[in-house]
Amino acid sequence: MLDALKNLFSSSVDYKELVDQGAIILDVRSAGEFQSGHINGAMNIAVNELEGKLDRLPNKEIPIITCCASGMRSGSAKTLLLAKGYKAVYNGGGWMSLNKKLQTH
């Protein structure tokens, strides 16, 4: 089970480099969760509203890093975005963990 969970998150991805190259950080938590704390510059679209708001992500070529509270909703968002034709989508997992990874380079 733990190995399966580890495989949901790619530790070899350099998230900071992706952001430096223009990747979008997409926080898929609710608006209330987002307001209580988030990564600076992140876009917020709740996972249950994502399919109806894809017009906010018009360029399917720009890398997208999804995040949420634990990594489960961001995994669902990644699956949806890939199914809709987005080319480079990464599950960044929990937003606090991702934020630390972005600051440690």
C-alpha atoms as a PDB file:
ATOM      1  CA  MET A   1       0.000   0.000   0.000  1.00  0.00           C
ATOM      2  CA  LEU A   2       2.753   2.458   0.908  1.00  0.00           C
ATOM      3  CA  ASP A   3       4.584   1.750  -2.357  1.00  0.00           C
ATOM      4  CA  ALA A   4       1.366   2.388  -4.274  1.00  0.00           C
ATOM      5  CA  LEU A   5       1.009   5.739  -2.517  1.00  0.00           C
ATOM      6  CA  LYS A   6       4.636   6.635  -3.226  1.00  0.00           C
ATOM      7  CA  ASN A   7       4.083   5.902  -6.906  1.00  0.00           C
ATOM      8  CA  LEU A   8       1.292   8.489  -7.006  1.00  0.00           C
ATOM      9  CA  PHE A   9       3.883  11.208  -6.457  1.00  0.00           C
ATOM     10  CA  SER A  10       6.964  11.506  -8.630  1.00  0.00           C
ATOM     11  CA  SER A  11       9.916  12.476  -6.459  1.00  0.00           C
ATOM     12  CA  SER A  12      12.188  12.900  -9.484  1.00  0.00           C
ATOM     13  CA  VAL A  13      10.272  15.952 -10.747  1.00  0.00           C
ATOM     14  CA  ASP A  14      12.017  19.289 -10.171  1.00  0.00           C
ATOM     15  CA  TYR A  15       8.950  21.376  -9.406  1.00  0.00           C
ATOM     16  CA  LYS A  16      10.942  24.559  -8.899  1.00  0.00           C
ATOM     17  CA  GLU A  17      12.486  24.224 -12.350  1.00  0.00           C
ATOM     18  CA  LEU A  18       9.033  23.657 -13.851  1.00  0.00           C
ATOM     19  CA  VAL A  19       7.713  26.809 -12.157  1.00  0.00           C
ATOM     20  CA  ASP A  20      10.793  28.773 -13.239  1.00  0.00           C
ATOM     21  CA  GLN A  21       9.993  27.690 -16.799  1.00  0.00           C
ATOM     22  CA  GLY A  22       6.402  28.937 -16.545  1.00  0.00           C
ATOM     23  CA  ALA A  23       4.416  26.024 -15.131  1.00  0.00           C
ATOM     24  CA  ILE A  24       1.049  26.818 -13.575  1.00  0.00           C
ATOM     25  CA  ILE A  25       0.439  25.717 -10.003  1.00  0.00           C
ATOM     26  CA  LEU A  26      -3.198  24.642  -9.829  1.00  0.00           C
ATOM     27  CA  ASP A  27      -4.574  24.289  -6.299  1.00  0.00           C
ATOM     28  CA  VAL A  28      -7.722  22.163  -6.527  1.00  0.00           C
ATOM     29  CA  ARG A  29      -8.932  22.625  -2.949  1.00  0.00           C
ATOM     30  CA  SER A  30     -12.116  24.547  -2.138  1.00  0.00           C
ATOM     31  CA  ALA A  31     -12.016  28.350  -2.139  1.00  0.00           C
ATOM     32  CA  GLY A  32     -12.228  28.348   1.663  1.00  0.00           C
ATOM     33  CA  GLU A  33      -9.281  25.990   2.003  1.00  0.00           C
ATOM     34  CA  PHE A  34      -7.308  28.074  -0.500  1.00  0.00           C
ATOM     35  CA  GLN A  35      -8.018  31.293   1.424  1.00  0.00           C
ATOM     36  CA  SER A  36      -6.688  29.735   4.634  1.00  0.00           C
ATOM     37  CA  GLY A  37      -3.265  29.299   2.994  1.00  0.00           C
ATOM     38  CA  HIS A  38      -1.762  28.586  -0.406  1.00  0.00           C
ATOM     39  CA  ILE A  39       1.342  28.819  -2.573  1.00  0.00           C
ATOM     40  CA  ASN A  40       1.994  32.351  -3.807  1.00  0.00           C
ATOM     41  CA  GLY A  41       0.924  32.674  -7.428  1.00  0.00           C
ATOM     42  CA  ALA A  42      -1.172  29.500  -7.440  1.00  0.00           C
ATOM     43  CA  MET A  43      -4.439  29.396  -9.356  1.00  0.00           C
ATOM     44  CA  ASN A  44      -7.426  27.998  -7.466  1.00  0.00           C
ATOM     45  CA  ILE A  45     -10.089  25.891  -9.151  1.00  0.00           C
ATOM     46  CA  ALA A  46     -11.803  23.326  -6.922  1.00  0.00           C
ATOM     47  CA  VAL A  47     -11.517  19.806  -8.352  1.00  0.00           C
ATOM     48  CA  ASN A  48     -15.305  19.425  -8.506  1.00  0.00           C
ATOM     49  CA  GLU A  49     -15.509  22.607 -10.649  1.00  0.00           C
ATOM     50  CA  LEU A  50     -12.461  21.940 -12.822  1.00  0.00           C
ATOM     51  CA  GLU A  51     -14.149  20.388 -15.857  1.00  0.00           C
ATOM     52  CA  GLY A  52     -16.478  23.394 -16.174  1.00  0.00           C
ATOM     53  CA  LYS A  53     -13.655  25.923 -15.842  1.00  0.00           C
ATOM     54  CA  LEU A  54     -11.067  24.592 -18.277  1.00  0.00           C
ATOM     55  CA  ASP A  55     -11.353  27.878 -20.179  1.00  0.00           C
ATOM     56  CA  ARG A  56      -9.160  29.327 -17.412  1.00  0.00           C
ATOM     57  CA  LEU A  57      -6.416  26.971 -18.661  1.00  0.00           C
ATOM     58  CA  PRO A  58      -6.556  27.633 -22.409  1.00  0.00           C
ATOM     59  CA  ASN A  59      -2.994  26.608 -23.329  1.00  0.00           C
ATOM     60  CA  LYS A  60      -2.709  22.823 -23.138  1.00  0.00           C
ATOM     61  CA  GLU A  61       1.060  22.999 -23.782  1.00  0.00           C
ATOM     62  CA  ILE A  62       2.009  24.843 -20.552  1.00  0.00           C
ATOM     63  CA  PRO A  63       2.975  22.447 -17.732  1.00  0.00           C
ATOM     64  CA  ILE A  64       0.520  22.280 -14.833  1.00  0.00           C
ATOM     65  CA  ILE A  65       1.376  21.176 -11.295  1.00  0.00           C
ATOM     66  CA  THR A  66      -1.727  20.189  -9.353  1.00  0.00           C
ATOM     67  CA  CYS A  67      -1.867  20.325  -5.557  1.00  0.00           C
ATOM     68  CA  CYS A  68      -4.438  20.020  -2.786  1.00  0.00           C
ATOM     69  CA  ALA A  69      -4.340  19.119   0.911  1.00  0.00           C
ATOM     70  CA  SER A  70      -2.956  15.569   0.683  1.00  0.00           C
ATOM     71  CA  GLY A  71      -2.499  14.696  -2.979  1.00  0.00           C
ATOM     72  CA  MET A  72      -5.692  12.749  -3.599  1.00  0.00           C
ATOM     73  CA  ARG A  73      -7.770  15.500  -5.224  1.00  0.00           C
ATOM     74  CA  SER A  74      -4.734  16.726  -7.155  1.00  0.00           C
ATOM     75  CA  GLY A  75      -4.344  13.188  -8.514  1.00  0.00           C
ATOM     76  CA  SER A  76      -7.951  13.263  -9.715  1.00  0.00           C
ATOM     77  CA  ALA A  77      -7.351  16.677 -11.292  1.00  0.00           C
ATOM     78  CA  LYS A  78      -4.249  15.374 -13.070  1.00  0.00           C
ATOM     79  CA  THR A  79      -6.230  12.453 -14.513  1.00  0.00           C
ATOM     80  CA  LEU A  80      -8.978  14.798 -15.732  1.00  0.00           C
ATOM     81  CA  LEU A  81      -6.549  17.266 -17.317  1.00  0.00           C
ATOM     82  CA  LEU A  82      -4.632  14.531 -19.125  1.00  0.00           C
ATOM     83  CA  ALA A  83      -7.933  13.105 -20.419  1.00  0.00           C
ATOM     84  CA  LYS A  84      -8.823  16.578 -21.739  1.00  0.00           C
ATOM     85  CA  GLY A  85      -5.611  16.789 -23.738  1.00  0.00           C
ATOM     86  CA  TYR A  86      -3.257  18.730 -21.474  1.00  0.00           C
ATOM     87  CA  LYS A  87       0.271  17.656 -22.350  1.00  0.00           C
ATOM     88  CA  ALA A  88       2.328  17.972 -19.141  1.00  0.00           C
ATOM     89  CA  VAL A  89       0.483  17.575 -15.844  1.00  0.00           C
ATOM     90  CA  TYR A  90       2.223  16.739 -12.574  1.00  0.00           C
ATOM     91  CA  ASN A  91       0.660  15.818  -9.240  1.00  0.00           C
ATOM     92  CA  GLY A  92       2.527  17.988  -6.751  1.00  0.00           C
ATOM     93  CA  GLY A  93       0.701  16.375  -3.829  1.00  0.00           C
ATOM     94  CA  GLY A  94      -0.109  18.387  -0.724  1.00  0.00           C
ATOM     95  CA  TRP A  95       0.320  22.133  -1.137  1.00  0.00           C
ATOM     96  CA  MET A  96       2.460  22.586   1.999  1.00  0.00           C
ATOM     97  CA  SER A  97       4.877  19.871   0.908  1.00  0.00           C
ATOM     98  CA  LEU A  98       5.007  21.291  -2.611  1.00  0.00           C
ATOM     99  CA  ASN A  99       5.626  24.780  -1.230  1.00  0.00           C
ATOM    100  CA  LYS A 100       8.655  23.459   0.692  1.00  0.00           C
ATOM    101  CA  LYS A 101      10.001  21.768  -2.437  1.00  0.00           C
ATOM    102  CA  LEU A 102       9.678  25.051  -4.336  1.00  0.00           C
ATOM    103  CA  GLN A 103      11.698  26.883  -1.677  1.00  0.00           C
ATOM    104  CA  THR A 104      14.544  24.405  -1.171  1.00  0.00           C
ATOM    105  CA  HIS A 105      16.643  25.181  -4.237  1.00  0.00           C
END
